[in-house]
Amino acid sequence: MTERRKALMDGILGDNIVLSGLMVISPVIVCGDTLKNAAALVYAFSAITFLAVLISSFVPQKLPYTVKVIIYALIAAIVYIPVKFASKQLYPESIPRIGIYFPLLAVNSLIVFQTETKFFRMPRRDMMISLIFCILGFDLVMLVTGFLRELFAYGTINNHIVDMNTLTDGLSKPFGGFIFLGLMCGAYRFIRNAVQNDKSEVRSGTDVSYK
């Protein structure tokens, strides 16, 4: 895999916005206690972020930074309206629980921060690829968290009862979500560092062999 392709796809594993950057963690911790809630947040985050960043990419880059950030936020707020309306039809059961976090998704870091520092410094095609993988990175963490917390907290998967001998009610609470996400971050960073060390050793061995 070339360095360019790796950089574009790093949003899932190499530079996951939740597990590596610790961004957009509040919805994961508070609302990611069931698979249905997770799916609703995945829909909202993906739709708002992709559309807002894509539309914002057409804002003239010669404008002052502060003005551009305000425009990005306004675009995200406009995109938020139809996404929120559609979510009431698609996920009516989850909205009462996660509704408060929908506005926060409209000002997430991918829209108001990484647009300028990362995405808008790329050609538009590369920007869209990198953005999609960053969104998928959040989506993957959200779905895994919702699936496992629902399984071990409620003994269900997507509201279907499964045979679980021991349940941990604390995982359904925000503090349980915080602990669970912390364990995921630790495991993720351990695996990532191990992979990077292995690659460094391989490269070092290759350099020595050439000498």
C-alpha atoms as a PDB file:
ATOM      1  CA  MET A   1       0.000   0.000   0.000  1.00  0.00           C
ATOM      2  CA  THR A   2       1.414   3.399  -0.964  1.00  0.00           C
ATOM      3  CA  GLU A   3       1.843   6.158   1.599  1.00  0.00           C
ATOM      4  CA  ARG A   4      -0.808   8.214  -0.196  1.00  0.00           C
ATOM      5  CA  ARG A   5      -3.418   5.460  -0.016  1.00  0.00           C
ATOM      6  CA  LYS A   6      -2.523   4.775   3.620  1.00  0.00           C
ATOM      7  CA  ALA A   7      -2.966   8.455   4.489  1.00  0.00           C
ATOM      8  CA  LEU A   8      -6.400   8.523   2.835  1.00  0.00           C
ATOM      9  CA  MET A   9      -7.609   5.394   4.654  1.00  0.00           C
ATOM     10  CA  ASP A  10      -6.112   6.179   8.066  1.00  0.00           C
ATOM     11  CA  GLY A  11      -9.470   7.399   9.369  1.00  0.00           C
ATOM     12  CA  ILE A  12     -10.549   3.839  10.201  1.00  0.00           C
ATOM     13  CA  LEU A  13      -7.506   2.337  11.899  1.00  0.00           C
ATOM     14  CA  GLY A  14      -4.375   4.479  11.786  1.00  0.00           C
ATOM     15  CA  ASP A  15      -5.963   7.746  12.928  1.00  0.00           C
ATOM     16  CA  ASN A  16      -9.449   6.894  14.172  1.00  0.00           C
ATOM     17  CA  ILE A  17     -11.139  10.105  15.331  1.00  0.00           C
ATOM     18  CA  VAL A  18     -12.643   8.446  18.422  1.00  0.00           C
ATOM     19  CA  LEU A  19     -10.013   5.948  19.537  1.00  0.00           C
ATOM     20  CA  SER A  20      -6.974   7.991  18.510  1.00  0.00           C
ATOM     21  CA  GLY A  21      -8.138  11.605  18.501  1.00  0.00           C
ATOM     22  CA  LEU A  22     -10.691  11.256  21.332  1.00  0.00           C
ATOM     23  CA  MET A  23     -13.132  13.362  19.313  1.00  0.00           C
ATOM     24  CA  VAL A  24     -16.946  13.033  19.255  1.00  0.00           C
ATOM     25  CA  ILE A  25     -16.817  10.771  22.302  1.00  0.00           C
ATOM     26  CA  SER A  26     -19.855  12.123  24.196  1.00  0.00           C
ATOM     27  CA  PRO A  27     -22.484  10.447  21.943  1.00  0.00           C
ATOM     28  CA  VAL A  28     -20.541   7.175  22.090  1.00  0.00           C
ATOM     29  CA  ILE A  29     -20.359   7.238  25.884  1.00  0.00           C
ATOM     30  CA  VAL A  30     -23.873   8.443  26.675  1.00  0.00           C
ATOM     31  CA  CYS A  31     -26.024   7.096  23.833  1.00  0.00           C
ATOM     32  CA  GLY A  32     -24.115   4.085  22.531  1.00  0.00           C
ATOM     33  CA  ASP A  33     -25.794   1.609  24.871  1.00  0.00           C
ATOM     34  CA  THR A  34     -27.898  -0.197  22.235  1.00  0.00           C
ATOM     35  CA  LEU A  35     -27.450  -1.142  18.607  1.00  0.00           C
ATOM     36  CA  LYS A  36     -30.507   0.893  17.551  1.00  0.00           C
ATOM     37  CA  ASN A  37     -29.222   4.034  19.247  1.00  0.00           C
ATOM     38  CA  ALA A  38     -25.828   3.425  17.667  1.00  0.00           C
ATOM     39  CA  ALA A  39     -27.385   3.043  14.212  1.00  0.00           C
ATOM     40  CA  ALA A  40     -29.316   6.303  14.643  1.00  0.00           C
ATOM     41  CA  LEU A  41     -26.149   8.165  15.613  1.00  0.00           C
ATOM     42  CA  VAL A  42     -24.224   6.586  12.735  1.00  0.00           C
ATOM     43  CA  TYR A  43     -26.876   7.834  10.315  1.00  0.00           C
ATOM     44  CA  ALA A  44     -26.909  11.341  11.784  1.00  0.00           C
ATOM     45  CA  PHE A  45     -23.129  11.724  12.051  1.00  0.00           C
ATOM     46  CA  SER A  46     -22.462  10.307   8.581  1.00  0.00           C
ATOM     47  CA  ALA A  47     -25.111  12.362   6.796  1.00  0.00           C
ATOM     48  CA  ILE A  48     -24.415  15.662   8.559  1.00  0.00           C
ATOM     49  CA  THR A  49     -20.638  15.398   8.352  1.00  0.00           C
ATOM     50  CA  PHE A  50     -20.384  14.264   4.733  1.00  0.00           C
ATOM     51  CA  LEU A  51     -22.864  16.794   3.362  1.00  0.00           C
ATOM     52  CA  ALA A  52     -21.592  19.689   5.484  1.00  0.00           C
ATOM     53  CA  VAL A  53     -17.924  19.140   4.599  1.00  0.00           C
ATOM     54  CA  LEU A  54     -18.684  18.552   0.927  1.00  0.00           C
ATOM     55  CA  ILE A  55     -20.767  21.750   0.633  1.00  0.00           C
ATOM     56  CA  SER A  56     -18.242  23.713   2.724  1.00  0.00           C
ATOM     57  CA  SER A  57     -15.457  22.755   0.333  1.00  0.00           C
ATOM     58  CA  PHE A  58     -16.947  25.242  -2.150  1.00  0.00           C
ATOM     59  CA  VAL A  59     -16.538  28.173   0.261  1.00  0.00           C
ATOM     60  CA  PRO A  60     -13.795  30.508  -1.054  1.00  0.00           C
ATOM     61  CA  GLN A  61     -10.574  29.753   0.807  1.00  0.00           C
ATOM     62  CA  LYS A  62      -9.426  33.375   0.556  1.00  0.00           C
ATOM     63  CA  LEU A  63     -11.911  34.402   3.242  1.00  0.00           C
ATOM     64  CA  PRO A  64     -10.591  34.991   6.784  1.00  0.00           C
ATOM     65  CA  TYR A  65     -10.378  31.839   8.890  1.00  0.00           C
ATOM     66  CA  THR A  66     -12.952  33.009  11.445  1.00  0.00           C
ATOM     67  CA  VAL A  67     -15.464  33.849   8.723  1.00  0.00           C
ATOM     68  CA  LYS A  68     -14.982  30.449   7.091  1.00  0.00           C
ATOM     69  CA  VAL A  69     -15.542  28.584  10.352  1.00  0.00           C
ATOM     70  CA  ILE A  70     -18.764  30.519  10.944  1.00  0.00           C
ATOM     71  CA  ILE A  71     -19.929  29.660   7.421  1.00  0.00           C
ATOM     72  CA  TYR A  72     -19.068  25.972   7.953  1.00  0.00           C
ATOM     73  CA  ALA A  73     -21.135  25.965  11.153  1.00  0.00           C
ATOM     74  CA  LEU A  74     -24.078  27.620   9.365  1.00  0.00           C
ATOM     75  CA  ILE A  75     -23.908  25.076   6.544  1.00  0.00           C
ATOM     76  CA  ALA A  76     -23.858  22.227   9.086  1.00  0.00           C
ATOM     77  CA  ALA A  77     -26.859  23.765  10.881  1.00  0.00           C
ATOM     78  CA  ILE A  78     -28.812  23.915   7.613  1.00  0.00           C
ATOM     79  CA  VAL A  79     -27.892  20.298   6.777  1.00  0.00           C
ATOM     80  CA  TYR A  80     -28.904  19.280  10.309  1.00  0.00           C
ATOM     81  CA  ILE A  81     -32.558  20.270   9.756  1.00  0.00           C
ATOM     82  CA  PRO A  82     -33.555  17.680   7.081  1.00  0.00           C
ATOM     83  CA  VAL A  83     -31.322  15.021   8.675  1.00  0.00           C
ATOM     84  CA  LYS A  84     -33.074  15.479  12.024  1.00  0.00           C
ATOM     85  CA  PHE A  85     -36.487  15.405  10.345  1.00  0.00           C
ATOM     86  CA  ALA A  86     -35.664  12.160   8.512  1.00  0.00           C
ATOM     87  CA  SER A  87     -34.278  10.592  11.689  1.00  0.00           C
ATOM     88  CA  LYS A  88     -37.674  10.969  13.368  1.00  0.00           C
ATOM     89  CA  GLN A  89     -39.124   8.767  10.642  1.00  0.00           C
ATOM     90  CA  LEU A  90     -36.257   6.252  10.541  1.00  0.00           C
ATOM     91  CA  TYR A  91     -35.463   5.921  14.261  1.00  0.00           C
ATOM     92  CA  PRO A  92     -38.521   7.074  16.244  1.00  0.00           C
ATOM     93  CA  GLU A  93     -37.651   4.946  19.279  1.00  0.00           C
ATOM     94  CA  SER A  94     -34.115   6.306  19.612  1.00  0.00           C
ATOM     95  CA  ILE A  95     -34.814  10.021  19.174  1.00  0.00           C
ATOM     96  CA  PRO A  96     -36.008  10.698  22.766  1.00  0.00           C
ATOM     97  CA  ARG A  97     -32.724   9.291  24.089  1.00  0.00           C
ATOM     98  CA  ILE A  98     -30.225  10.741  21.619  1.00  0.00           C
ATOM     99  CA  GLY A  99     -32.035  13.850  20.406  1.00  0.00           C
ATOM    100  CA  ILE A 100     -29.948  16.199  22.569  1.00  0.00           C
ATOM    101  CA  TYR A 101     -26.773  15.037  20.806  1.00  0.00           C
ATOM    102  CA  PHE A 102     -27.965  15.743  17.286  1.00  0.00           C
ATOM    103  CA  PRO A 103     -27.062  19.461  17.480  1.00  0.00           C
ATOM    104  CA  LEU A 104     -23.603  18.540  18.808  1.00  0.00           C
ATOM    105  CA  LEU A 105     -23.010  16.354  15.744  1.00  0.00           C
ATOM    106  CA  ALA A 106     -23.558  19.424  13.564  1.00  0.00           C
ATOM    107  CA  VAL A 107     -20.472  21.078  15.078  1.00  0.00           C
ATOM    108  CA  ASN A 108     -18.215  18.038  15.349  1.00  0.00           C
ATOM    109  CA  SER A 109     -14.460  18.397  14.860  1.00  0.00           C
ATOM    110  CA  LEU A 110     -14.418  17.042  11.306  1.00  0.00           C
ATOM    111  CA  ILE A 111     -16.593  19.978  10.236  1.00  0.00           C
ATOM    112  CA  VAL A 112     -15.237  22.898  12.261  1.00  0.00           C
ATOM    113  CA  PHE A 113     -11.580  21.911  12.697  1.00  0.00           C
ATOM    114  CA  GLN A 114     -10.267  19.269  10.311  1.00  0.00           C
ATOM    115  CA  THR A 115     -11.839  20.953   7.303  1.00  0.00           C
ATOM    116  CA  GLU A 116      -9.126  23.600   7.408  1.00  0.00           C
ATOM    117  CA  THR A 117      -6.250  21.559   8.849  1.00  0.00           C
ATOM    118  CA  LYS A 118      -6.725  18.444   6.740  1.00  0.00           C
ATOM    119  CA  PHE A 119      -9.509  18.046   4.174  1.00  0.00           C
ATOM    120  CA  PHE A 120      -9.373  21.346   2.308  1.00  0.00           C
ATOM    121  CA  ARG A 121      -5.639  20.969   1.767  1.00  0.00           C
ATOM    122  CA  MET A 122      -6.309  17.948  -0.450  1.00  0.00           C
ATOM    123  CA  PRO A 123      -7.620  17.665  -3.995  1.00  0.00           C
ATOM    124  CA  ARG A 124     -11.425  17.254  -3.826  1.00  0.00           C
ATOM    125  CA  ARG A 125     -11.311  13.562  -4.833  1.00  0.00           C
ATOM    126  CA  ASP A 126      -8.759  12.729  -2.139  1.00  0.00           C
ATOM    127  CA  MET A 127     -10.705  14.838   0.339  1.00  0.00           C
ATOM    128  CA  MET A 128     -13.880  12.840  -0.232  1.00  0.00           C
ATOM    129  CA  ILE A 129     -12.061   9.510   0.140  1.00  0.00           C
ATOM    130  CA  SER A 130     -10.345  10.593   3.350  1.00  0.00           C
ATOM    131  CA  LEU A 131     -13.592  12.048   4.720  1.00  0.00           C
ATOM    132  CA  ILE A 132     -15.494   8.828   4.033  1.00  0.00           C
ATOM    133  CA  PHE A 133     -12.887   6.762   5.876  1.00  0.00           C
ATOM    134  CA  CYS A 134     -12.886   9.170   8.828  1.00  0.00           C
ATOM    135  CA  ILE A 135     -16.673   8.876   9.009  1.00  0.00           C
ATOM    136  CA  LEU A 136     -16.439   5.071   8.770  1.00  0.00           C
ATOM    137  CA  GLY A 137     -13.949   5.155  11.643  1.00  0.00           C
ATOM    138  CA  PHE A 138     -16.552   6.783  13.881  1.00  0.00           C
ATOM    139  CA  ASP A 139     -19.319   4.523  12.563  1.00  0.00           C
ATOM    140  CA  LEU A 140     -17.343   1.357  13.304  1.00  0.00           C
ATOM    141  CA  VAL A 141     -16.583   2.389  16.880  1.00  0.00           C
ATOM    142  CA  MET A 142     -20.193   3.460  17.429  1.00  0.00           C
ATOM    143  CA  LEU A 143     -21.664   0.172  16.169  1.00  0.00           C
ATOM    144  CA  VAL A 144     -19.194  -2.059  18.034  1.00  0.00           C
ATOM    145  CA  THR A 145     -19.799  -0.098  21.237  1.00  0.00           C
ATOM    146  CA  GLY A 146     -23.585  -0.235  20.866  1.00  0.00           C
ATOM    147  CA  PHE A 147     -23.547  -3.952  20.060  1.00  0.00           C
ATOM    148  CA  LEU A 148     -21.318  -5.000  22.976  1.00  0.00           C
ATOM    149  CA  ARG A 149     -22.856  -2.692  25.570  1.00  0.00           C
ATOM    150  CA  GLU A 150     -26.384  -3.820  24.678  1.00  0.00           C
ATOM    151  CA  LEU A 151     -25.303  -7.461  24.791  1.00  0.00           C
ATOM    152  CA  PHE A 152     -23.618  -7.303  28.192  1.00  0.00           C
ATOM    153  CA  ALA A 153     -25.873  -4.676  29.808  1.00  0.00           C
ATOM    154  CA  TYR A 154     -29.321  -5.845  28.668  1.00  0.00           C
ATOM    155  CA  GLY A 155     -28.753  -9.348  27.313  1.00  0.00           C
ATOM    156  CA  THR A 156     -30.189  -8.359  23.936  1.00  0.00           C
ATOM    157  CA  ILE A 157     -29.003  -7.707  20.381  1.00  0.00           C
ATOM    158  CA  ASN A 158     -31.111  -5.151  18.542  1.00  0.00           C
ATOM    159  CA  ASN A 159     -33.826  -5.705  21.191  1.00  0.00           C
ATOM    160  CA  HIS A 160     -33.827  -9.496  20.637  1.00  0.00           C
ATOM    161  CA  ILE A 161     -33.158 -11.463  23.824  1.00  0.00           C
ATOM    162  CA  VAL A 162     -30.087 -13.707  23.815  1.00  0.00           C
ATOM    163  CA  ASP A 163     -28.906 -16.273  26.343  1.00  0.00           C
ATOM    164  CA  MET A 164     -26.592 -14.376  28.718  1.00  0.00           C
ATOM    165  CA  ASN A 165     -25.785 -15.777  32.146  1.00  0.00           C
ATOM    166  CA  THR A 166     -24.310 -12.583  33.560  1.00  0.00           C
ATOM    167  CA  LEU A 167     -25.311  -9.010  32.846  1.00  0.00           C
ATOM    168  CA  THR A 168     -23.439  -5.838  33.821  1.00  0.00           C
ATOM    169  CA  ASP A 169     -25.996  -3.108  34.351  1.00  0.00           C
ATOM    170  CA  GLY A 170     -23.274  -0.466  34.705  1.00  0.00           C
ATOM    171  CA  LEU A 171     -22.491  -0.704  30.994  1.00  0.00           C
ATOM    172  CA  SER A 172     -25.863   0.870  30.232  1.00  0.00           C
ATOM    173  CA  LYS A 173     -24.861   3.990  32.179  1.00  0.00           C
ATOM    174  CA  PRO A 174     -22.596   6.830  30.967  1.00  0.00           C
ATOM    175  CA  PHE A 175     -19.839   5.881  33.439  1.00  0.00           C
ATOM    176  CA  GLY A 176     -19.922   2.341  32.050  1.00  0.00           C
ATOM    177  CA  GLY A 177     -19.674   3.713  28.536  1.00  0.00           C
ATOM    178  CA  PHE A 178     -16.707   5.846  29.582  1.00  0.00           C
ATOM    179  CA  ILE A 179     -14.885   2.842  31.042  1.00  0.00           C
ATOM    180  CA  PHE A 180     -15.727   0.677  28.033  1.00  0.00           C
ATOM    181  CA  LEU A 181     -14.479   3.318  25.601  1.00  0.00           C
ATOM    182  CA  GLY A 182     -11.310   3.706  27.648  1.00  0.00           C
ATOM    183  CA  LEU A 183     -10.634  -0.018  27.360  1.00  0.00           C
ATOM    184  CA  MET A 184     -11.243   0.141  23.604  1.00  0.00           C
ATOM    185  CA  CYS A 185      -8.821   3.071  23.282  1.00  0.00           C
ATOM    186  CA  GLY A 186      -6.173   1.180  25.263  1.00  0.00           C
ATOM    187  CA  ALA A 187      -6.545  -1.956  23.144  1.00  0.00           C
ATOM    188  CA  TYR A 188      -6.540   0.083  19.927  1.00  0.00           C
ATOM    189  CA  ARG A 189      -3.366   1.968  20.808  1.00  0.00           C
ATOM    190  CA  PHE A 190      -1.610  -1.197  21.979  1.00  0.00           C
ATOM    191  CA  ILE A 191      -2.388  -2.956  18.681  1.00  0.00           C
ATOM    192  CA  ARG A 192      -1.476   0.097  16.598  1.00  0.00           C
ATOM    193  CA  ASN A 193       1.873   0.542  18.378  1.00  0.00           C
ATOM    194  CA  ALA A 194       2.641  -3.174  18.020  1.00  0.00           C
ATOM    195  CA  VAL A 195       1.933  -3.036  14.277  1.00  0.00           C
ATOM    196  CA  GLN A 196       4.046   0.102  13.860  1.00  0.00           C
ATOM    197  CA  ASN A 197       6.938  -1.475  15.780  1.00  0.00           C
ATOM    198  CA  ASP A 198       6.746  -4.593  13.621  1.00  0.00           C
ATOM    199  CA  LYS A 199       6.873  -2.470  10.472  1.00  0.00           C
ATOM    200  CA  SER A 200       9.853  -0.523  11.840  1.00  0.00           C
ATOM    201  CA  GLU A 201      11.701  -3.751  12.579  1.00  0.00           C
ATOM    202  CA  VAL A 202      10.976  -5.061   9.087  1.00  0.00           C
ATOM    203  CA  ARG A 203      12.246  -1.848   7.520  1.00  0.00           C
ATOM    204  CA  SER A 204      15.360  -1.892   9.703  1.00  0.00           C
ATOM    205  CA  GLY A 205      16.016  -5.478   8.709  1.00  0.00           C
ATOM    206  CA  THR A 206      15.592  -4.586   5.058  1.00  0.00           C
ATOM    207  CA  ASP A 207      18.031  -1.682   5.367  1.00  0.00           C
ATOM    208  CA  VAL A 208      20.621  -3.911   7.048  1.00  0.00           C
ATOM    209  CA  SER A 209      20.273  -6.601   4.398  1.00  0.00           C
ATOM    210  CA  TYR A 210      20.939  -4.039   1.660  1.00  0.00           C
ATOM    211  CA  LYS A 211      24.086  -2.907   3.433  1.00  0.00           C
END
